[in-house]
Amino acid sequence: MVAKTFGSAVSGVDANLITIEVNVGQGTSFYMVGLPDSAVKESQQRVESALKYFGFRMPRQKVVINLAPADIRKEGSAYDLPIAMGILQASEQVEFPELDRYVIMGELALDGKLRPIKGVLPIAIEARK
């Protein structure tokens, strides 16, 4: 199953809409594509820990996360929450009926608590458009 939501990449005072797609299928690998920096790639560890803390599981199947468009560099840990929600929906652990209608951003602590992110104002302006 494929889950889709939106995030945002901030560059200065501008924000660009980022489509976050998560596919869970046959296999046993984890892939993140779409020009993520190391902090975004590390979200796998934060997301897995947060999911386990709340009694969910990281799928032991092939998980592919696509951050589009691929030509925009994605930086920071603000993609943790939309990735976690996409994994939960794509693995059919939780159903978010209108996930694809929202811009979601948030850094996850290992215990699942949300941490503040930078660039909220440009993200909100872009989301309103």
C-alpha atoms as a PDB file:
ATOM      1  CA  MET A   1       0.000   0.000   0.000  1.00  0.00           C
ATOM      2  CA  VAL A   2       1.164   3.551  -0.696  1.00  0.00           C
ATOM      3  CA  ALA A   3       0.540   6.414   1.729  1.00  0.00           C
ATOM      4  CA  LYS A   4       0.985  10.045   0.742  1.00  0.00           C
ATOM      5  CA  THR A   5       1.230  13.290   2.675  1.00  0.00           C
ATOM      6  CA  PHE A   6       3.070  16.579   2.380  1.00  0.00           C
ATOM      7  CA  GLY A   7       5.927  18.325   4.115  1.00  0.00           C
ATOM      8  CA  SER A   8       7.963  21.380   3.301  1.00  0.00           C
ATOM      9  CA  ALA A   9      11.587  22.288   2.615  1.00  0.00           C
ATOM     10  CA  VAL A  10      12.627  25.725   3.864  1.00  0.00           C
ATOM     11  CA  SER A  11      15.270  27.748   2.070  1.00  0.00           C
ATOM     12  CA  GLY A  12      15.791  31.174   3.626  1.00  0.00           C
ATOM     13  CA  VAL A  13      12.348  32.768   3.843  1.00  0.00           C
ATOM     14  CA  ASP A  14      10.826  30.537   1.171  1.00  0.00           C
ATOM     15  CA  ALA A  15       9.263  27.118   1.550  1.00  0.00           C
ATOM     16  CA  ASN A  16       8.704  24.455  -1.108  1.00  0.00           C
ATOM     17  CA  LEU A  17       6.009  21.814  -0.872  1.00  0.00           C
ATOM     18  CA  ILE A  18       7.452  18.290  -0.580  1.00  0.00           C
ATOM     19  CA  THR A  19       5.395  15.191  -1.353  1.00  0.00           C
ATOM     20  CA  ILE A  20       6.159  12.327   1.011  1.00  0.00           C
ATOM     21  CA  GLU A  21       5.180   8.893  -0.311  1.00  0.00           C
ATOM     22  CA  VAL A  22       5.628   5.703   1.684  1.00  0.00           C
ATOM     23  CA  ASN A  23       5.321   2.250   0.170  1.00  0.00           C
ATOM     24  CA  VAL A  24       5.438  -0.931   2.245  1.00  0.00           C
ATOM     25  CA  GLY A  25       5.735  -4.135   0.242  1.00  0.00           C
ATOM     26  CA  GLN A  26       7.554  -7.408  -0.194  1.00  0.00           C
ATOM     27  CA  GLY A  27      11.173  -7.509   0.867  1.00  0.00           C
ATOM     28  CA  THR A  28      13.152  -6.552   3.962  1.00  0.00           C
ATOM     29  CA  SER A  29      14.955  -3.288   3.185  1.00  0.00           C
ATOM     30  CA  PHE A  30      14.562   0.393   4.071  1.00  0.00           C
ATOM     31  CA  TYR A  31      15.124   3.006   1.365  1.00  0.00           C
ATOM     32  CA  MET A  32      14.786   6.769   1.487  1.00  0.00           C
ATOM     33  CA  VAL A  33      15.070   8.552  -1.846  1.00  0.00           C
ATOM     34  CA  GLY A  34      14.695  12.137  -3.027  1.00  0.00           C
ATOM     35  CA  LEU A  35      17.932  13.885  -1.955  1.00  0.00           C
ATOM     36  CA  PRO A  36      17.646  13.609   1.863  1.00  0.00           C
ATOM     37  CA  ASP A  37      20.555  14.838   3.993  1.00  0.00           C
ATOM     38  CA  SER A  38      21.979  12.711   6.809  1.00  0.00           C
ATOM     39  CA  ALA A  39      19.553  14.104   9.441  1.00  0.00           C
ATOM     40  CA  VAL A  40      16.601  13.058   7.274  1.00  0.00           C
ATOM     41  CA  LYS A  41      18.120   9.612   6.690  1.00  0.00           C
ATOM     42  CA  GLU A  42      18.572   9.240  10.466  1.00  0.00           C
ATOM     43  CA  SER A  43      14.815   9.659  10.887  1.00  0.00           C
ATOM     44  CA  GLN A  44      14.529   5.888  10.419  1.00  0.00           C
ATOM     45  CA  GLN A  45      15.999   5.405  13.901  1.00  0.00           C
ATOM     46  CA  ARG A  46      13.886   8.106  15.564  1.00  0.00           C
ATOM     47  CA  VAL A  47      10.698   6.924  13.862  1.00  0.00           C
ATOM     48  CA  GLU A  48      11.266   3.268  14.736  1.00  0.00           C
ATOM     49  CA  SER A  49      11.900   4.100  18.398  1.00  0.00           C
ATOM     50  CA  ALA A  50       8.836   6.396  18.612  1.00  0.00           C
ATOM     51  CA  LEU A  51       6.572   3.791  16.964  1.00  0.00           C
ATOM     52  CA  LYS A  52       7.721   1.091  19.396  1.00  0.00           C
ATOM     53  CA  TYR A  53       7.189   3.428  22.357  1.00  0.00           C
ATOM     54  CA  PHE A  54       3.480   3.694  21.441  1.00  0.00           C
ATOM     55  CA  GLY A  55       3.033  -0.021  20.766  1.00  0.00           C
ATOM     56  CA  PHE A  56       3.282   0.107  16.976  1.00  0.00           C
ATOM     57  CA  ARG A  57       5.888  -1.711  14.927  1.00  0.00           C
ATOM     58  CA  MET A  58       8.295  -0.820  12.193  1.00  0.00           C
ATOM     59  CA  PRO A  59       7.321  -3.065   9.270  1.00  0.00           C
ATOM     60  CA  ARG A  60       9.756  -5.907   8.677  1.00  0.00           C
ATOM     61  CA  GLN A  61       9.059  -5.542   4.986  1.00  0.00           C
ATOM     62  CA  LYS A  62      10.510  -3.391   2.250  1.00  0.00           C
ATOM     63  CA  VAL A  63       9.840   0.263   3.104  1.00  0.00           C
ATOM     64  CA  VAL A  64      10.460   2.887   0.415  1.00  0.00           C
ATOM     65  CA  ILE A  65      10.099   6.571   1.276  1.00  0.00           C
ATOM     66  CA  ASN A  66      10.118   9.036  -1.596  1.00  0.00           C
ATOM     67  CA  LEU A  67      10.606  12.748  -0.930  1.00  0.00           C
ATOM     68  CA  ALA A  68       9.611  14.577  -4.110  1.00  0.00           C
ATOM     69  CA  PRO A  69      10.661  16.574  -6.002  1.00  0.00           C
ATOM     70  CA  ALA A  70      14.052  14.902  -6.005  1.00  0.00           C
ATOM     71  CA  ASP A  71      15.965  18.006  -7.105  1.00  0.00           C
ATOM     72  CA  ILE A  72      15.301  19.909  -3.843  1.00  0.00           C
ATOM     73  CA  ARG A  73      17.602  19.048  -0.935  1.00  0.00           C
ATOM     74  CA  LYS A  74      15.710  17.972   2.190  1.00  0.00           C
ATOM     75  CA  GLU A  75      17.421  18.925   5.454  1.00  0.00           C
ATOM     76  CA  GLY A  76      16.756  18.466   9.150  1.00  0.00           C
ATOM     77  CA  SER A  77      14.599  16.267  11.325  1.00  0.00           C
ATOM     78  CA  ALA A  78      11.227  17.934  10.603  1.00  0.00           C
ATOM     79  CA  TYR A  79      10.242  15.065   8.278  1.00  0.00           C
ATOM     80  CA  ASP A  80      10.058  12.544  11.175  1.00  0.00           C
ATOM     81  CA  LEU A  81       6.338  12.946  11.889  1.00  0.00           C
ATOM     82  CA  PRO A  82       5.056  12.716   8.294  1.00  0.00           C
ATOM     83  CA  ILE A  83       7.330   9.712   7.660  1.00  0.00           C
ATOM     84  CA  ALA A  84       6.020   7.992  10.804  1.00  0.00           C
ATOM     85  CA  MET A  85       2.397   8.668   9.855  1.00  0.00           C
ATOM     86  CA  GLY A  86       3.049   7.448   6.312  1.00  0.00           C
ATOM     87  CA  ILE A  87       4.592   4.222   7.620  1.00  0.00           C
ATOM     88  CA  LEU A  88       1.628   3.621   9.944  1.00  0.00           C
ATOM     89  CA  GLN A  89      -0.853   4.151   7.099  1.00  0.00           C
ATOM     90  CA  ALA A  90       1.090   2.201   4.453  1.00  0.00           C
ATOM     91  CA  SER A  91       1.560  -0.758   6.819  1.00  0.00           C
ATOM     92  CA  GLU A  92      -2.165  -0.609   7.662  1.00  0.00           C
ATOM     93  CA  GLN A  93      -1.589  -0.186  11.405  1.00  0.00           C
ATOM     94  CA  VAL A  94      -3.589   3.055  11.477  1.00  0.00           C
ATOM     95  CA  GLU A  95      -5.954   4.643   8.982  1.00  0.00           C
ATOM     96  CA  PHE A  96      -5.688   8.368   8.398  1.00  0.00           C
ATOM     97  CA  PRO A  97      -8.554   8.961   5.922  1.00  0.00           C
ATOM     98  CA  GLU A  98      -7.381  12.355   4.627  1.00  0.00           C
ATOM     99  CA  LEU A  99      -3.623  12.157   5.200  1.00  0.00           C
ATOM    100  CA  ASP A 100      -2.972  13.320   1.630  1.00  0.00           C
ATOM    101  CA  ARG A 101      -4.669  16.672   2.308  1.00  0.00           C
ATOM    102  CA  TYR A 102      -2.256  17.952   4.963  1.00  0.00           C
ATOM    103  CA  VAL A 103       1.207  19.440   5.312  1.00  0.00           C
ATOM    104  CA  ILE A 104       2.705  17.722   8.356  1.00  0.00           C
ATOM    105  CA  MET A 105       6.009  18.596   9.982  1.00  0.00           C
ATOM    106  CA  GLY A 106       7.570  17.640  13.300  1.00  0.00           C
ATOM    107  CA  GLU A 107      10.675  16.161  14.863  1.00  0.00           C
ATOM    108  CA  LEU A 108      10.156  13.050  16.978  1.00  0.00           C
ATOM    109  CA  ALA A 109      12.002  12.284  20.190  1.00  0.00           C
ATOM    110  CA  LEU A 110      12.819   8.630  20.841  1.00  0.00           C
ATOM    111  CA  ASP A 111       9.862   8.438  23.236  1.00  0.00           C
ATOM    112  CA  GLY A 112       7.497   9.819  20.577  1.00  0.00           C
ATOM    113  CA  LYS A 113       7.233  13.351  21.936  1.00  0.00           C
ATOM    114  CA  LEU A 114       7.175  16.157  19.376  1.00  0.00           C
ATOM    115  CA  ARG A 115       9.967  18.694  19.285  1.00  0.00           C
ATOM    116  CA  PRO A 116       9.722  22.163  17.728  1.00  0.00           C
ATOM    117  CA  ILE A 117      10.993  22.784  14.215  1.00  0.00           C
ATOM    118  CA  LYS A 118      12.416  25.850  12.487  1.00  0.00           C
ATOM    119  CA  GLY A 119      10.772  27.694   9.621  1.00  0.00           C
ATOM    120  CA  VAL A 120       7.134  27.305  10.639  1.00  0.00           C
ATOM    121  CA  LEU A 121       6.027  30.675   9.238  1.00  0.00           C
ATOM    122  CA  PRO A 122       7.187  30.063   5.635  1.00  0.00           C
ATOM    123  CA  ILE A 123       5.798  26.503   5.867  1.00  0.00           C
ATOM    124  CA  ALA A 124       2.397  27.812   6.968  1.00  0.00           C
ATOM    125  CA  ILE A 125       2.363  30.394   4.160  1.00  0.00           C
ATOM    126  CA  GLU A 126       3.204  27.708   1.589  1.00  0.00           C
ATOM    127  CA  ALA A 127       0.602  25.321   3.046  1.00  0.00           C
ATOM    128  CA  ARG A 128      -2.098  27.974   2.775  1.00  0.00           C
ATOM    129  CA  LYS A 129      -1.397  28.361  -0.963  1.00  0.00           C
END
